[in-house]
C-alpha cells in the first residue's frame, strides 16, 4: 500500500563485472573479463590487493618487463612501474580504453584536459606533466611510449620521451586525458571512485493500464516510431501503437489481425511456447527478424535437432525418464529467422522460415529461458538458456563447459557458414561463432558460450545509456532470486551456488563441481524467498530494465525488476556510487494512476491486482512497461498516484481524460511461463485456472 514501508537489502558485489563493450567506469579487465580476488598475500611486484586483473604469473611478467627497461633515475622508475602495473587495476579496461584501440599506456591524468566528474576520482595531481618532468630526458629501453606513439613510425630499442615530443603539452596531448562521468584516467595508483551519495528510495511506482492483453515479449519498432511488437506465449506477434503519456488513450492493437502467427509450430505449455523475439539491427533495410520458441518433435516434423543430453556432456537420454509426460528431447528450443516485405506499410511477413538458426533438444520440460537480444554495440545475437530442468540441475549442465545448458550464448547471424562447416564444427544451426568469444581464452568452453552458471535466466537487458551494463535475472531454486551483471566468460555459480549461498544438490548423476575449482561471480541484486512484501511469498524473479524515461525522475537510472507473483510491488535497484557496480535494492509499492485509461482491478486499494508479472518492456520513448497476466501497464509520473518525488516539476493537477472503452480481451489463451523453483501453483485466480487447464504438475 502507498503508506507501507519499503524493504531494503544490500547485496555485496564480490566481483564487479561488465560486458565487453564498456561505456562507463566499472570494474573490467583489459581481456574483457571480470576482476578476481587476489591471493591473500596480494601481488608481489604490483601492489594491488583485493579485486585485481593480474595473477601471480602476469605480475612476474610485469616485473621482468620493468627490469628490462633499465631506468636509472629512481623518480622516473617509480612512475613507470606504476604505469606498467595499471594493467592490474580492476578498472584497467577503461584506463586502457580497450574499446577504442589497443593501447600500451593507460590514459594519463592531465589537468589541462577539461574535468567534469560527479563520481570518479577527483585528482589534483597532473600525473602526465609530472611524468614528463621526471622522465623526458631519461633513457628507457623498449619504452612503452615509443611503441604507443602515433608520431613515431619506427621505435628504437632505447629512447627518451623527448626524442619524439618537444614539450609536455605535446606529449600530454597524445597520452593525457581526464576523468569525467563516462571515463577515468590514471593518476599514479589504483582508481578510486567518488564516495557514495545519499539517495532516497522512491516512495512508489505509478502505473497506467493501456491494454487487457497478456504478452510475454515487447520490442520497440526499429524505425524509432511509437510502435512496438508484442508477442504472446502461444505464438502470435502483433504490431501495436503506444499512445503518448497523458493522452488518455489505450494501446492501438487489432488482436484479430496479428503481424505474424506461429501457433502451428509452437508447442505451448506452462514453460514452453514463443519465448523470445528480436529484430536485426539493420531491420529497416533487410527485414530480418528472429523468433525463439519451443516445438514438439512428436507433432511437427521440422522439430528435429541434436539432444543436449548426449555422451559429450556425460548424459544418456535413455536413463532419463519422462518428465511431465514428455520423453527426453521430445521438446526443442529453436531460433528461426523470418523476413518482412519492407515495401509494404506494415511489413508483410513471409510465412516461410528463411533459415533455422538454432535447434537443440531439451532433457526436461522446464528451465530453458529462451530470450534473444541483439547486442547494441557488437550486433551479435545473445541467447539465454536455462539448465534444462529438474531439481538441482542433476546432470550439472550449468557448470559443464561442453554443454550449452545453463549458459548465455553469443552468435553471429550475419556471417553464415556453409553446410560443411556446420557439420564439421558441430554447430547447432546456421550461425558462426564470434572470434572473440571466451573460448579464445578458455579452450574447454564450447565456442558459443558467452557466460555460464545460470539456472534459468529470465529477462535480460542492456542499459540504453550504458550498453555495456548487461543485466540478467536468474531464477533461484529454494532460497534466492538474483540479478547478475554479465560479462565475457563469467561464471555465475549455479549449481555450486544459489545466489551467494552454497547449494547442495539432492542428486548428482552427472557429477559435481567443487566450490574451490571455480571463481564465481556473485549477484549484485536479489532477494531471499521470504523477503517480498507478499503473504504468498515469492515465485521467481522477472528481470527488467534500467529506467531511462523522465516520466518519473525519481526512478531515473535505477534498475527495475519484480517477482512473478507481483502483488508485493516492484523492486528498485540503486547503484551507488554511480558506475561502481555496487547496488542496494528496495521493494516499493505500486499503484494505479487515478486517470488511467483503463481502470485497474484493485487488490488492496489502491494497489492494482497485476496478476503474474511475466516481463518488462521499453519503447522508443524510453518508457518502461510491465507485462502481466492482467494486462499491459506503463510507468508514469508519480504525481498521478500522489507519490512524492522532489525531482518532479510537472503539476499533478491533471484533469482525468475522457474515458475510453477497454480493448478486447486477447483472442488466445495465456499461461504463466513457470520459471520458479518448481514447488507451488500460482495462487491467484486467472493464472491458477490456466495452470489447472494445462494439467500443471510440480517440478520433479
Foldseek 3Di string as FASTA:
>chain_A
DLPDDWDWDFDDFQWKAWAQQFWAFEFAAQLFGIFFAAPPVAEDQQRDHRTWDDHNVVSVVLVVVLVQFVWDQVVLSLQVSLQSSCNTARRSNQQQVNNPDGAPTGAFAAVVADEAADKWDDDPDRQLVVNCVRFQPIKTACDSCQVRDPQHDDRDRIDGNCVRDVDSVRRNVRRHDDDHRGGHYDHRHHIDIHAWDDADDFSAFAKFFQAQEFFQDWAAPLVLAQWIWTHHFLFFIAIWGDDDPPPLHHIGTDLVDTLAGDNQFADHFQQFGFQEKEAFNVCLPWQKIKTKGKGFCVRDVVQDFEELQDVLLPGDQVPQCAAPNHGFQRMKIWMFMWGFDNVDPSTRTDNDTPWTAFIYGAGYDAQFRGYWYQQPPPRWIKGFTALRFFFQSQQPQQPQQSGCHQFIFTWAQPPWDDPVCCVVLVPRTTTHAPPSACCVVVVRHNRGGFETAAHHWADWDAAPVTRRQIKTWGAFAAWKTAIARGYGHAHAHPPCAGAPHGHDTPHHPNDDDHPVVDRHGHGQDIDTQQPQPDPVTAFTKHFAYQQPAVQEVSSHRWGWIAGQQCQSAIKTWDDTPPNHSTIMIIGHAYFYFPQRLDDAPPDDPRGGRQGTFNYKDAYSNSWIWTRGNRRIMTGGHVLSVPTDDPPDDDDSPDDRDDHDDHDDYNPDQHENSRNHNFDDQRPDDRNNVVCVVSVHDTRD
